[in-house]
């Protein structure tokens, strides 16, 4: 409630709403692991993400980002599984607020050759470990909320 009030007050004062990005939370259903990639700038671990694309849904844009950044082929859920916010650093030394809409991608295969193969590393992690590696607090929470493979079998 308090955050909603602050957001509305900020808009009244002339602040723009956050820009939107889309992200793919890529999962291996056989073992419950999450695929992370490194960012191009700092090399920190992130989920594949990018800007919405004209003519396709936000979910399909997230799937396209997963392909370009990690070589993922899979099936995307068209419903967002959550959102998180972060400040995107700009080249000029300032940052802009971003709200990231996250879509689950069930990974069917990983290609060896994809658009950003020479710019990024990719690696599978258990959700708990992935949460330790990413920087964004909202994404950490989302990863920690994923059921472990043991819980899924129970």
C-alpha atoms as a PDB file:
ATOM      1  CA  UNK A   1       0.000   0.000   0.000  1.00  0.00           C
ATOM      2  CA  UNK A   2       2.746   2.435   0.988  1.00  0.00           C
ATOM      3  CA  UNK A   3       4.730   1.668  -2.194  1.00  0.00           C
ATOM      4  CA  UNK A   4       1.641   2.208  -4.332  1.00  0.00           C
ATOM      5  CA  UNK A   5       1.068   5.621  -2.690  1.00  0.00           C
ATOM      6  CA  UNK A   6       4.683   6.634  -3.302  1.00  0.00           C
ATOM      7  CA  UNK A   7       4.454   5.549  -6.926  1.00  0.00           C
ATOM      8  CA  UNK A   8       1.273   7.587  -7.501  1.00  0.00           C
ATOM      9  CA  UNK A   9       2.760  10.590  -5.690  1.00  0.00           C
ATOM     10  CA  UNK A  10       5.891  10.339  -7.838  1.00  0.00           C
ATOM     11  CA  UNK A  11       3.788  10.373 -11.004  1.00  0.00           C
ATOM     12  CA  UNK A  12       1.892  13.421  -9.765  1.00  0.00           C
ATOM     13  CA  UNK A  13       5.237  15.132  -9.217  1.00  0.00           C
ATOM     14  CA  UNK A  14       6.218  14.387 -12.828  1.00  0.00           C
ATOM     15  CA  UNK A  15       8.274  11.209 -12.478  1.00  0.00           C
ATOM     16  CA  UNK A  16       7.921   8.749 -15.344  1.00  0.00           C
ATOM     17  CA  UNK A  17       6.785   5.196 -14.627  1.00  0.00           C
ATOM     18  CA  UNK A  18       9.633   2.680 -14.903  1.00  0.00           C
ATOM     19  CA  UNK A  19      10.636   1.355 -18.303  1.00  0.00           C
ATOM     20  CA  UNK A  20       9.651  -2.269 -18.924  1.00  0.00           C
ATOM     21  CA  UNK A  21      11.942  -5.159 -19.794  1.00  0.00           C
ATOM     22  CA  UNK A  22      11.122  -8.838 -20.204  1.00  0.00           C
ATOM     23  CA  UNK A  23      13.086 -11.753 -18.757  1.00  0.00           C
ATOM     24  CA  UNK A  24      13.156 -15.493 -19.278  1.00  0.00           C
ATOM     25  CA  UNK A  25      13.432 -17.706 -16.219  1.00  0.00           C
ATOM     26  CA  UNK A  26      14.784 -20.785 -17.987  1.00  0.00           C
ATOM     27  CA  UNK A  27      14.137 -24.059 -16.156  1.00  0.00           C
ATOM     28  CA  UNK A  28      15.226 -27.655 -16.693  1.00  0.00           C
ATOM     29  CA  UNK A  29      12.189 -29.688 -15.641  1.00  0.00           C
ATOM     30  CA  UNK A  30      14.272 -32.863 -15.227  1.00  0.00           C
ATOM     31  CA  UNK A  31      16.313 -31.472 -12.330  1.00  0.00           C
ATOM     32  CA  UNK A  32      14.738 -28.135 -11.340  1.00  0.00           C
ATOM     33  CA  UNK A  33      17.839 -26.120 -12.239  1.00  0.00           C
ATOM     34  CA  UNK A  34      17.823 -22.529 -13.523  1.00  0.00           C
ATOM     35  CA  UNK A  35      19.935 -21.248 -16.414  1.00  0.00           C
ATOM     36  CA  UNK A  36      21.887 -18.051 -15.747  1.00  0.00           C
ATOM     37  CA  UNK A  37      23.979 -16.042 -18.210  1.00  0.00           C
ATOM     38  CA  UNK A  38      26.610 -13.401 -17.654  1.00  0.00           C
ATOM     39  CA  UNK A  39      25.894  -9.786 -18.469  1.00  0.00           C
ATOM     40  CA  UNK A  40      27.951  -8.296 -21.280  1.00  0.00           C
ATOM     41  CA  UNK A  41      29.111  -5.260 -19.312  1.00  0.00           C
ATOM     42  CA  UNK A  42      30.076  -6.490 -15.863  1.00  0.00           C
ATOM     43  CA  UNK A  43      30.026 -10.262 -16.250  1.00  0.00           C
ATOM     44  CA  UNK A  44      27.623 -10.678 -13.329  1.00  0.00           C
ATOM     45  CA  UNK A  45      25.081 -13.516 -13.368  1.00  0.00           C
ATOM     46  CA  UNK A  46      21.596 -12.626 -14.647  1.00  0.00           C
ATOM     47  CA  UNK A  47      18.621 -14.232 -16.368  1.00  0.00           C
ATOM     48  CA  UNK A  48      18.247 -13.519 -20.100  1.00  0.00           C
ATOM     49  CA  UNK A  49      16.371 -10.251 -20.481  1.00  0.00           C
ATOM     50  CA  UNK A  50      15.795  -7.369 -22.838  1.00  0.00           C
ATOM     51  CA  UNK A  51      13.324  -4.873 -24.211  1.00  0.00           C
ATOM     52  CA  UNK A  52       9.820  -5.677 -25.497  1.00  0.00           C
ATOM     53  CA  UNK A  53       9.663  -6.229 -29.260  1.00  0.00           C
ATOM     54  CA  UNK A  54       7.035  -4.806 -31.594  1.00  0.00           C
ATOM     55  CA  UNK A  55       4.582  -7.306 -33.005  1.00  0.00           C
ATOM     56  CA  UNK A  56       5.095 -10.081 -30.445  1.00  0.00           C
ATOM     57  CA  UNK A  57       3.886 -10.714 -26.913  1.00  0.00           C
ATOM     58  CA  UNK A  58       6.035  -9.898 -23.889  1.00  0.00           C
ATOM     59  CA  UNK A  59       6.388 -13.634 -23.243  1.00  0.00           C
ATOM     60  CA  UNK A  60       7.561 -14.311 -26.795  1.00  0.00           C
ATOM     61  CA  UNK A  61      10.038 -11.421 -26.506  1.00  0.00           C
ATOM     62  CA  UNK A  62      11.419 -13.081 -23.352  1.00  0.00           C
ATOM     63  CA  UNK A  63      11.782 -16.357 -25.267  1.00  0.00           C
ATOM     64  CA  UNK A  64      13.595 -14.511 -28.075  1.00  0.00           C
ATOM     65  CA  UNK A  65      16.011 -13.015 -25.504  1.00  0.00           C
ATOM     66  CA  UNK A  66      16.643 -16.505 -24.108  1.00  0.00           C
ATOM     67  CA  UNK A  67      17.548 -17.646 -27.620  1.00  0.00           C
ATOM     68  CA  UNK A  68      19.831 -14.682 -28.398  1.00  0.00           C
ATOM     69  CA  UNK A  69      21.631 -14.620 -25.027  1.00  0.00           C
ATOM     70  CA  UNK A  70      21.757 -18.332 -24.142  1.00  0.00           C
ATOM     71  CA  UNK A  71      20.794 -20.452 -27.168  1.00  0.00           C
ATOM     72  CA  UNK A  72      17.613 -21.661 -25.455  1.00  0.00           C
ATOM     73  CA  UNK A  73      14.937 -23.534 -27.366  1.00  0.00           C
ATOM     74  CA  UNK A  74      11.853 -24.171 -25.313  1.00  0.00           C
ATOM     75  CA  UNK A  75       8.260 -23.385 -24.464  1.00  0.00           C
ATOM     76  CA  UNK A  76       7.336 -20.095 -22.783  1.00  0.00           C
ATOM     77  CA  UNK A  77       4.388 -19.627 -20.458  1.00  0.00           C
ATOM     78  CA  UNK A  78       2.399 -16.624 -21.747  1.00  0.00           C
ATOM     79  CA  UNK A  79       1.544 -15.529 -18.186  1.00  0.00           C
ATOM     80  CA  UNK A  80       4.131 -13.599 -16.198  1.00  0.00           C
ATOM     81  CA  UNK A  81       5.333 -15.429 -13.084  1.00  0.00           C
ATOM     82  CA  UNK A  82       6.319 -12.169 -11.409  1.00  0.00           C
ATOM     83  CA  UNK A  83       8.095  -8.846 -11.628  1.00  0.00           C
ATOM     84  CA  UNK A  84      11.121  -7.221 -10.101  1.00  0.00           C
ATOM     85  CA  UNK A  85      12.687  -3.780 -10.293  1.00  0.00           C
ATOM     86  CA  UNK A  86      16.256  -2.598 -10.708  1.00  0.00           C
ATOM     87  CA  UNK A  87      18.152   0.495 -11.787  1.00  0.00           C
ATOM     88  CA  UNK A  88      19.838   0.107 -15.173  1.00  0.00           C
ATOM     89  CA  UNK A  89      23.167   1.906 -15.321  1.00  0.00           C
ATOM     90  CA  UNK A  90      23.609   4.123 -18.379  1.00  0.00           C
ATOM     91  CA  UNK A  91      26.833   5.051 -20.180  1.00  0.00           C
ATOM     92  CA  UNK A  92      26.513   8.674 -19.070  1.00  0.00           C
ATOM     93  CA  UNK A  93      26.787   7.799 -15.380  1.00  0.00           C
ATOM     94  CA  UNK A  94      23.124   7.817 -14.367  1.00  0.00           C
ATOM     95  CA  UNK A  95      20.587   5.025 -14.073  1.00  0.00           C
ATOM     96  CA  UNK A  96      16.963   4.547 -15.068  1.00  0.00           C
ATOM     97  CA  UNK A  97      14.338   2.529 -13.158  1.00  0.00           C
ATOM     98  CA  UNK A  98      13.319  -0.702 -14.879  1.00  0.00           C
ATOM     99  CA  UNK A  99      10.436  -3.054 -14.095  1.00  0.00           C
ATOM    100  CA  UNK A 100      11.170  -6.551 -15.389  1.00  0.00           C
ATOM    101  CA  UNK A 101       8.281  -8.876 -16.282  1.00  0.00           C
ATOM    102  CA  UNK A 102       9.469 -12.473 -15.865  1.00  0.00           C
ATOM    103  CA  UNK A 103       8.230 -15.431 -17.929  1.00  0.00           C
ATOM    104  CA  UNK A 104       8.981 -19.091 -17.307  1.00  0.00           C
ATOM    105  CA  UNK A 105      10.647 -20.955 -20.142  1.00  0.00           C
ATOM    106  CA  UNK A 106      10.737 -24.745 -20.037  1.00  0.00           C
ATOM    107  CA  UNK A 107      14.014 -25.519 -21.797  1.00  0.00           C
ATOM    108  CA  UNK A 108      13.917 -28.274 -24.402  1.00  0.00           C
ATOM    109  CA  UNK A 109      17.469 -27.826 -25.741  1.00  0.00           C
ATOM    110  CA  UNK A 110      20.499 -25.533 -25.782  1.00  0.00           C
ATOM    111  CA  UNK A 111      22.195 -24.626 -29.050  1.00  0.00           C
ATOM    112  CA  UNK A 112      25.984 -24.468 -29.255  1.00  0.00           C
ATOM    113  CA  UNK A 113      25.832 -21.586 -31.731  1.00  0.00           C
ATOM    114  CA  UNK A 114      23.665 -18.542 -30.973  1.00  0.00           C
ATOM    115  CA  UNK A 115      23.817 -14.779 -31.429  1.00  0.00           C
ATOM    116  CA  UNK A 116      25.749 -13.809 -28.254  1.00  0.00           C
ATOM    117  CA  UNK A 117      27.774 -17.014 -27.736  1.00  0.00           C
ATOM    118  CA  UNK A 118      31.097 -15.116 -27.774  1.00  0.00           C
ATOM    119  CA  UNK A 119      29.850 -12.415 -25.364  1.00  0.00           C
ATOM    120  CA  UNK A 120      28.344 -14.481 -22.534  1.00  0.00           C
ATOM    121  CA  UNK A 121      28.798 -17.556 -20.390  1.00  0.00           C
ATOM    122  CA  UNK A 122      25.848 -19.703 -19.411  1.00  0.00           C
ATOM    123  CA  UNK A 123      25.515 -22.170 -16.558  1.00  0.00           C
ATOM    124  CA  UNK A 124      22.854 -24.235 -14.793  1.00  0.00           C
ATOM    125  CA  UNK A 125      22.339 -23.710 -11.047  1.00  0.00           C
ATOM    126  CA  UNK A 126      20.029 -24.981  -8.360  1.00  0.00           C
ATOM    127  CA  UNK A 127      17.534 -22.178  -7.575  1.00  0.00           C
ATOM    128  CA  UNK A 128      19.046 -21.553  -4.121  1.00  0.00           C
ATOM    129  CA  UNK A 129      22.524 -21.064  -5.608  1.00  0.00           C
ATOM    130  CA  UNK A 130      21.173 -18.938  -8.479  1.00  0.00           C
ATOM    131  CA  UNK A 131      19.527 -16.673  -5.874  1.00  0.00           C
ATOM    132  CA  UNK A 132      22.908 -16.186  -4.193  1.00  0.00           C
ATOM    133  CA  UNK A 133      24.553 -15.212  -7.492  1.00  0.00           C
ATOM    134  CA  UNK A 134      22.121 -12.628  -8.889  1.00  0.00           C
ATOM    135  CA  UNK A 135      22.185  -9.041  -7.627  1.00  0.00           C
ATOM    136  CA  UNK A 136      18.537  -7.967  -7.897  1.00  0.00           C
ATOM    137  CA  UNK A 137      16.630  -8.557  -4.645  1.00  0.00           C
ATOM    138  CA  UNK A 138      13.289  -9.158  -6.380  1.00  0.00           C
ATOM    139  CA  UNK A 139      14.848 -11.781  -8.641  1.00  0.00           C
ATOM    140  CA  UNK A 140      16.517 -13.411  -5.620  1.00  0.00           C
ATOM    141  CA  UNK A 141      13.086 -13.765  -3.988  1.00  0.00           C
ATOM    142  CA  UNK A 142      11.600 -15.251  -7.148  1.00  0.00           C
ATOM    143  CA  UNK A 143      14.397 -17.821  -7.395  1.00  0.00           C
ATOM    144  CA  UNK A 144      14.136 -18.763  -3.713  1.00  0.00           C
ATOM    145  CA  UNK A 145      10.394 -19.341  -4.167  1.00  0.00           C
ATOM    146  CA  UNK A 146      10.980 -21.995  -6.846  1.00  0.00           C
ATOM    147  CA  UNK A 147      10.392 -25.494  -5.540  1.00  0.00           C
ATOM    148  CA  UNK A 148      13.452 -27.683  -5.285  1.00  0.00           C
ATOM    149  CA  UNK A 149      13.329 -30.967  -7.208  1.00  0.00           C
ATOM    150  CA  UNK A 150      12.907 -32.830  -3.889  1.00  0.00           C
ATOM    151  CA  UNK A 151       9.764 -30.803  -3.107  1.00  0.00           C
ATOM    152  CA  UNK A 152       8.352 -31.461  -6.580  1.00  0.00           C
ATOM    153  CA  UNK A 153       8.633 -35.257  -6.080  1.00  0.00           C
ATOM    154  CA  UNK A 154       6.945 -35.216  -2.658  1.00  0.00           C
END
